[in-house]
Protein backbone atom coordinates (compact mmCIF):
# COMPACT_ATOMS: atom_id res chain seq x y z
CA MET A 1 -10.16 -0.03 11.32
CA ARG A 2 -11.08 -1.78 14.53
CA ARG A 3 -8.40 -1.47 17.16
CA LEU A 4 -6.19 -4.56 17.33
CA ASP A 5 -5.34 -4.20 21.00
CA HIS A 6 -6.91 -7.61 21.69
CA LEU A 7 -4.19 -9.21 19.52
CA VAL A 8 -0.49 -9.44 20.28
CA ALA A 9 1.89 -8.33 17.52
CA GLN A 10 4.79 -10.34 18.92
CA ASP A 11 4.58 -13.58 16.94
CA ASP A 12 7.81 -15.03 15.60
CA LEU A 13 7.92 -13.43 12.15
CA SER A 14 11.44 -14.51 11.25
CA GLY A 15 10.17 -17.41 9.15
CA ALA A 16 7.67 -17.92 6.34
CA TRP A 17 4.58 -16.74 8.22
CA CYS A 18 2.55 -15.84 5.10
CA ASN A 19 1.35 -18.78 2.99
CA ALA A 20 4.39 -20.80 4.13
CA ASN A 21 6.53 -18.83 1.66
CA ALA A 22 9.53 -16.72 2.64
CA VAL A 23 9.30 -14.42 -0.39
CA THR A 24 5.57 -13.76 0.03
CA SER A 25 6.17 -13.03 3.72
CA SER A 26 9.01 -10.67 2.82
CA VAL A 27 6.86 -8.77 0.30
CA MET A 28 4.19 -8.24 2.98
CA GLU A 29 6.83 -7.04 5.44
CA ALA A 30 8.38 -4.66 2.90
CA ILE A 31 4.95 -3.18 2.18
CA SER A 32 4.21 -2.76 5.87
CA PHE A 33 7.38 -0.71 6.39
CA THR A 34 6.25 1.78 3.71
CA THR A 35 2.74 2.17 5.07
CA PRO A 36 3.30 4.62 7.96
CA VAL A 37 5.50 6.84 5.77
CA LEU A 38 3.02 7.02 2.88
CA GLU A 39 -0.06 7.41 5.04
CA ASN A 40 1.51 10.25 7.00
CA PHE A 41 2.10 11.95 3.64
CA PHE A 42 -1.55 11.33 2.67
CA ILE A 43 -2.87 12.77 5.92
CA HIS A 44 -0.83 15.98 5.73
CA THR A 45 -1.69 16.54 2.06
CA VAL A 46 -5.43 16.02 2.53
CA ALA A 47 -5.40 18.25 5.62
CA GLU A 48 -3.92 21.08 3.54
CA CYS A 49 -6.57 20.59 0.83
CA MET A 50 -9.61 20.22 3.06
CA PRO A 51 -12.78 21.71 1.53
CA GLY A 52 -14.58 24.51 3.37
CA GLU A 53 -17.82 24.32 5.29
CA GLN A 54 -19.73 24.88 2.04
CA ASP A 55 -19.03 21.23 1.19
CA ALA A 56 -19.72 19.65 4.55
CA GLU A 57 -20.24 16.16 3.12
CA LEU A 58 -16.84 15.94 1.40
CA ARG A 59 -15.20 17.62 4.40
CA GLN A 60 -16.55 14.89 6.68
CA ARG A 61 -15.43 12.17 4.27
CA CYS A 62 -11.93 13.66 4.34
CA ARG A 63 -11.94 13.69 8.13
CA SER A 64 -12.98 10.04 8.20
CA PHE A 65 -10.26 9.23 5.64
CA MET A 66 -7.57 10.87 7.78
CA HIS A 67 -8.81 9.08 10.89
CA GLU A 68 -8.67 5.69 9.15
CA GLU A 69 -5.21 6.39 7.76
CA SER A 70 -3.87 7.40 11.17
CA THR A 71 -5.30 4.17 12.63
CA HIS A 72 -3.61 2.15 9.88
CA THR A 73 -0.34 3.90 10.67
CA ARG A 74 -0.47 3.03 14.37
CA ALA A 75 -1.34 -0.60 13.62
CA HIS A 76 1.47 -1.01 11.08
CA LYS A 77 4.00 0.64 13.39
CA LYS A 78 3.12 -1.95 16.03
CA PHE A 79 3.57 -4.75 13.47
CA ASN A 80 6.83 -3.25 12.21
CA ALA A 81 8.19 -3.13 15.74
CA SER A 82 7.74 -6.91 15.90
CA LEU A 83 9.52 -7.29 12.57
CA LEU A 84 12.46 -5.31 13.92
CA ASP A 85 12.87 -7.94 16.65
CA TYR A 86 14.52 -10.14 14.05
CA LEU A 87 15.46 -7.72 11.25
CA ARG A 88 17.12 -5.27 13.67
CA ARG A 89 16.64 -2.41 11.21
CA ALA A 90 14.26 -1.37 8.47
CA PRO A 91 14.95 -2.76 4.98
CA PRO A 92 17.06 -0.71 2.56
CA GLY A 93 15.03 1.91 0.76
CA ALA A 94 12.73 2.66 3.70
CA ALA A 95 14.86 5.56 4.95
CA LEU A 96 15.15 6.98 1.43
CA LEU A 97 11.36 6.84 1.03
CA GLN A 98 11.00 8.76 4.29
CA ALA A 99 13.43 11.41 3.04
CA ILE A 100 11.58 11.72 -0.28
CA MET A 101 8.23 12.22 1.47
CA VAL A 102 9.69 14.87 3.78
CA GLY A 103 11.34 16.63 0.83
CA ALA A 104 8.12 16.52 -1.18
CA ARG A 105 6.19 18.22 1.60
CA LYS A 106 8.75 21.03 1.63
CA HIS A 107 9.52 21.53 -2.05
CA VAL A 108 6.69 20.09 -4.20
CA THR A 109 3.54 22.06 -4.99
CA LEU A 110 0.36 21.07 -3.19
CA SER A 111 -1.43 20.26 -6.47
CA CYS A 112 1.36 17.86 -7.50
CA ARG A 113 1.38 16.22 -4.09
CA LEU A 114 -2.37 15.72 -4.24
CA LEU A 115 -2.07 14.09 -7.68
CA TYR A 116 0.40 11.57 -6.23
CA VAL A 117 -1.80 10.92 -3.23
CA VAL A 118 -4.69 10.14 -5.59
CA ALA A 119 -2.49 7.89 -7.74
CA LEU A 120 -1.08 6.08 -4.70
CA GLU A 121 -4.57 5.57 -3.32
CA HIS A 122 -5.50 4.03 -6.68
CA PHE A 123 -2.53 1.67 -6.34
CA ALA A 124 -3.66 0.80 -2.81
CA ALA A 125 -7.21 0.07 -4.00
CA VAL A 126 -6.03 -2.13 -6.89
CA LEU A 127 -3.65 -4.10 -4.66
CA SER A 128 -6.29 -4.38 -1.94
CA LYS A 129 -8.76 -5.77 -4.47
CA ARG A 130 -6.25 -8.39 -5.58
CA TYR A 131 -5.40 -9.28 -1.99
CA LEU A 132 -9.04 -9.82 -1.04
CA THR A 133 -10.09 -11.67 -4.18
CA LEU A 134 -7.00 -13.64 -5.23
CA HIS A 135 -5.33 -14.29 -1.90
CA GLY A 136 -8.25 -14.85 0.43
CA ASP A 137 -7.12 -18.45 0.98
CA TRP A 138 -3.60 -17.53 2.10
CA LYS A 139 -2.56 -19.17 5.36
CA ILE A 140 -1.20 -16.49 7.67
CA GLY A 141 0.56 -17.68 10.77
CA SER A 142 0.12 -14.44 12.71
CA ALA A 143 -3.37 -13.54 13.94
CA TYR A 144 -2.33 -9.88 14.21
CA ALA A 145 -0.96 -9.77 10.65
CA LYS A 146 -4.01 -11.56 9.24
CA GLU A 147 -6.48 -9.12 10.76
CA LEU A 148 -4.24 -6.11 10.06
CA PHE A 149 -3.88 -6.73 6.32
CA GLU A 150 -7.50 -7.83 5.79
CA GLN A 151 -8.97 -4.83 7.61
CA HIS A 152 -6.59 -2.45 5.88
CA ALA A 153 -7.48 -3.83 2.43
CA ARG A 154 -11.23 -3.58 3.07
CA GLU A 155 -10.96 -0.01 4.32
CA GLU A 156 -8.82 0.99 1.33
CA MET A 157 -11.65 -0.25 -0.89
CA GLY A 158 -14.17 1.61 1.24
CA HIS A 159 -12.51 5.05 1.04
CA ARG A 160 -10.86 4.76 -2.38
CA SER A 161 -12.90 7.61 -3.90
CA VAL A 162 -12.48 10.23 -1.14
CA VAL A 163 -9.17 11.74 -2.25
CA PHE A 164 -10.14 11.41 -5.92
CA ASP A 165 -13.28 13.48 -5.35
CA LEU A 166 -11.28 16.07 -3.43
CA TRP A 167 -8.72 16.24 -6.24
CA LYS A 168 -11.31 16.53 -9.03
CA GLN A 169 -12.95 19.41 -7.17
CA GLN A 170 -9.67 21.36 -7.29
CA GLU A 171 -7.71 20.13 -10.32
CA SER A 172 -8.18 18.99 -13.90
CA ILE A 173 -5.12 16.95 -14.89
CA GLY A 174 -4.76 15.38 -18.33
CA ARG A 175 -4.18 11.73 -19.19
CA ILE A 176 -0.45 12.14 -19.83
CA ALA A 177 0.19 13.55 -16.36
CA ARG A 178 -1.82 10.72 -14.80
CA ALA A 179 0.06 8.09 -16.80
CA LEU A 180 3.39 9.63 -15.80
CA ALA A 181 2.35 9.52 -12.15
CA VAL A 182 1.55 5.81 -12.48
CA LEU A 183 4.87 5.16 -14.26
CA SER A 184 6.93 6.98 -11.66
CA ILE A 185 5.22 5.13 -8.80
CA LEU A 186 5.77 1.81 -10.58
CA PHE A 187 9.44 2.61 -11.05
CA ALA A 188 10.04 3.74 -7.47
CA GLY A 189 7.99 0.90 -6.01
CA GLY A 190 9.68 -1.66 -8.24
CA VAL A 191 13.14 -0.50 -7.19
CA TYR A 192 12.17 -0.59 -3.51
CA ILE A 193 10.69 -4.11 -3.73
CA ALA A 194 13.68 -5.33 -5.78
CA VAL A 195 16.04 -4.14 -3.04
CA ALA A 196 14.03 -4.70 0.15
CA VAL A 197 12.54 -8.13 -0.50
CA PRO A 198 15.82 -10.01 -1.22
CA TRP A 199 17.34 -8.31 1.84
CA ILE A 200 14.50 -9.60 4.04
CA VAL A 201 14.57 -13.07 2.45
CA HIS A 202 18.32 -13.16 3.09
CA ARG A 203 17.68 -12.70 6.82
CA LYS A 204 14.90 -15.29 6.86
CA ASN A 205 17.40 -17.74 5.38
CA GLY A 206 20.01 -17.13 8.05
CA LYS A 207 21.95 -14.80 5.73
CA ARG A 208 22.75 -17.72 3.42
CA VAL A 209 23.21 -16.53 -0.16
CA ALA A 210 22.43 -19.91 -1.72
CA GLY A 211 19.21 -20.28 0.26
CA THR A 212 18.16 -16.76 -0.60
CA LEU A 213 18.72 -17.22 -4.34
CA ALA A 214 16.91 -20.57 -4.28
CA ALA A 215 13.88 -19.06 -2.52
CA LEU A 216 13.69 -16.14 -4.98
CA ALA A 217 14.07 -18.42 -8.02
CA ALA A 218 11.41 -20.85 -6.79
CA TYR A 219 9.01 -17.97 -6.16
CA ALA A 220 9.55 -16.52 -9.64
CA LEU A 221 8.99 -19.88 -11.33
CA LYS A 222 5.88 -20.71 -9.30
CA SER A 223 4.12 -17.34 -9.28
CA ARG A 224 4.96 -16.34 -12.89
CA PRO A 225 4.97 -12.59 -12.06
CA ILE A 226 5.37 -11.53 -15.71
CA ALA A 227 2.30 -13.47 -16.83
CA HIS A 228 0.15 -12.08 -14.03
CA GLY A 229 1.63 -8.59 -14.34
CA ALA A 230 -0.22 -7.69 -17.54
CA THR A 231 -3.61 -7.73 -15.82
CA LEU A 232 -2.26 -5.73 -12.91
CA LEU A 233 -0.77 -3.10 -15.22
CA ARG A 234 -4.08 -2.68 -17.04
CA GLU A 235 -5.81 -2.03 -13.74
CA LEU A 236 -3.16 0.43 -12.60
CA PHE A 237 -3.12 2.39 -15.86
CA SER A 238 -6.91 2.65 -15.88
CA PHE A 239 -6.18 5.71 -13.73
CA ALA A 240 -5.13 7.51 -16.93
CA ARG A 241 -8.47 6.96 -18.67
CA ARG A 242 -10.46 10.11 -19.32
CA ASP A 243 -13.61 8.63 -17.75
CA PHE A 244 -11.88 7.01 -14.77
CA HIS A 245 -13.51 7.18 -11.35
CA PRO A 246 -12.82 4.80 -8.42
CA ASP A 247 -16.56 4.23 -8.03
CA GLY A 248 -17.13 3.55 -11.73
CA PRO A 249 -18.97 0.43 -12.94
CA SER A 250 -16.22 -2.09 -12.15
CA GLY A 251 -15.39 -0.48 -8.81
CA ALA A 252 -19.01 -0.33 -7.73
CA GLN A 253 -19.52 -3.98 -8.66
CA PHE A 254 -16.47 -5.04 -6.67
CA ALA A 255 -17.42 -2.94 -3.65
CA GLY A 256 -20.75 -4.71 -3.51
CA ASP A 257 -19.00 -8.04 -3.00
CA PHE A 258 -17.47 -6.88 0.27
CA LYS A 259 -20.29 -5.02 1.98
């Protein structure tokens, strides 16, 4: 990721800065608050699993992956600091996520942690693909946020196979375990979004309950999340396929569109 020092992350983000929609803006903000926590977990896990000098190519790819993730973390922390100017504190669920990641590093086996890093990277690649292809025409009222999310999405697509290749070199996990990893991430992520997004929307609406409920209802009716969710779920659960690889036929075709 190119450094964003030439951009100021101090725009007024208290309104509907993403696509003129308060809920869409709140979803982007909720995601940004999780990014430093998750990417710190990725970096520490990959560092513990680094291949030896006998696989210099994969070792270098892992180093590049960790460097990109640490750059993403710094950029999102800067953006989150601007969000805190009006939110005053992180959304509910963010502190719990931090505690879970710290606990996992202490009490969960390295092989299990690596499986979840691979699964979460798959989620990031799928969501990045959708952001770049389906939402490329979004109007973003913050130059810093626009460049931050676009660069991050492109780099997620670029390094989506690094952790998978590291994992496959060390582990052979069956389809059921992969599917369970996807399910557990969906559940935890769904709970976080369901709690954090209304909380942020509530603040964007001056803490007015009626305005908050109206914004959420209008978003649900317009975006039809259930109708669009089926395609997203198919992409996410492709991780459980026996022949899955991030650089498989569909992934390679997509990557070519963004070179």
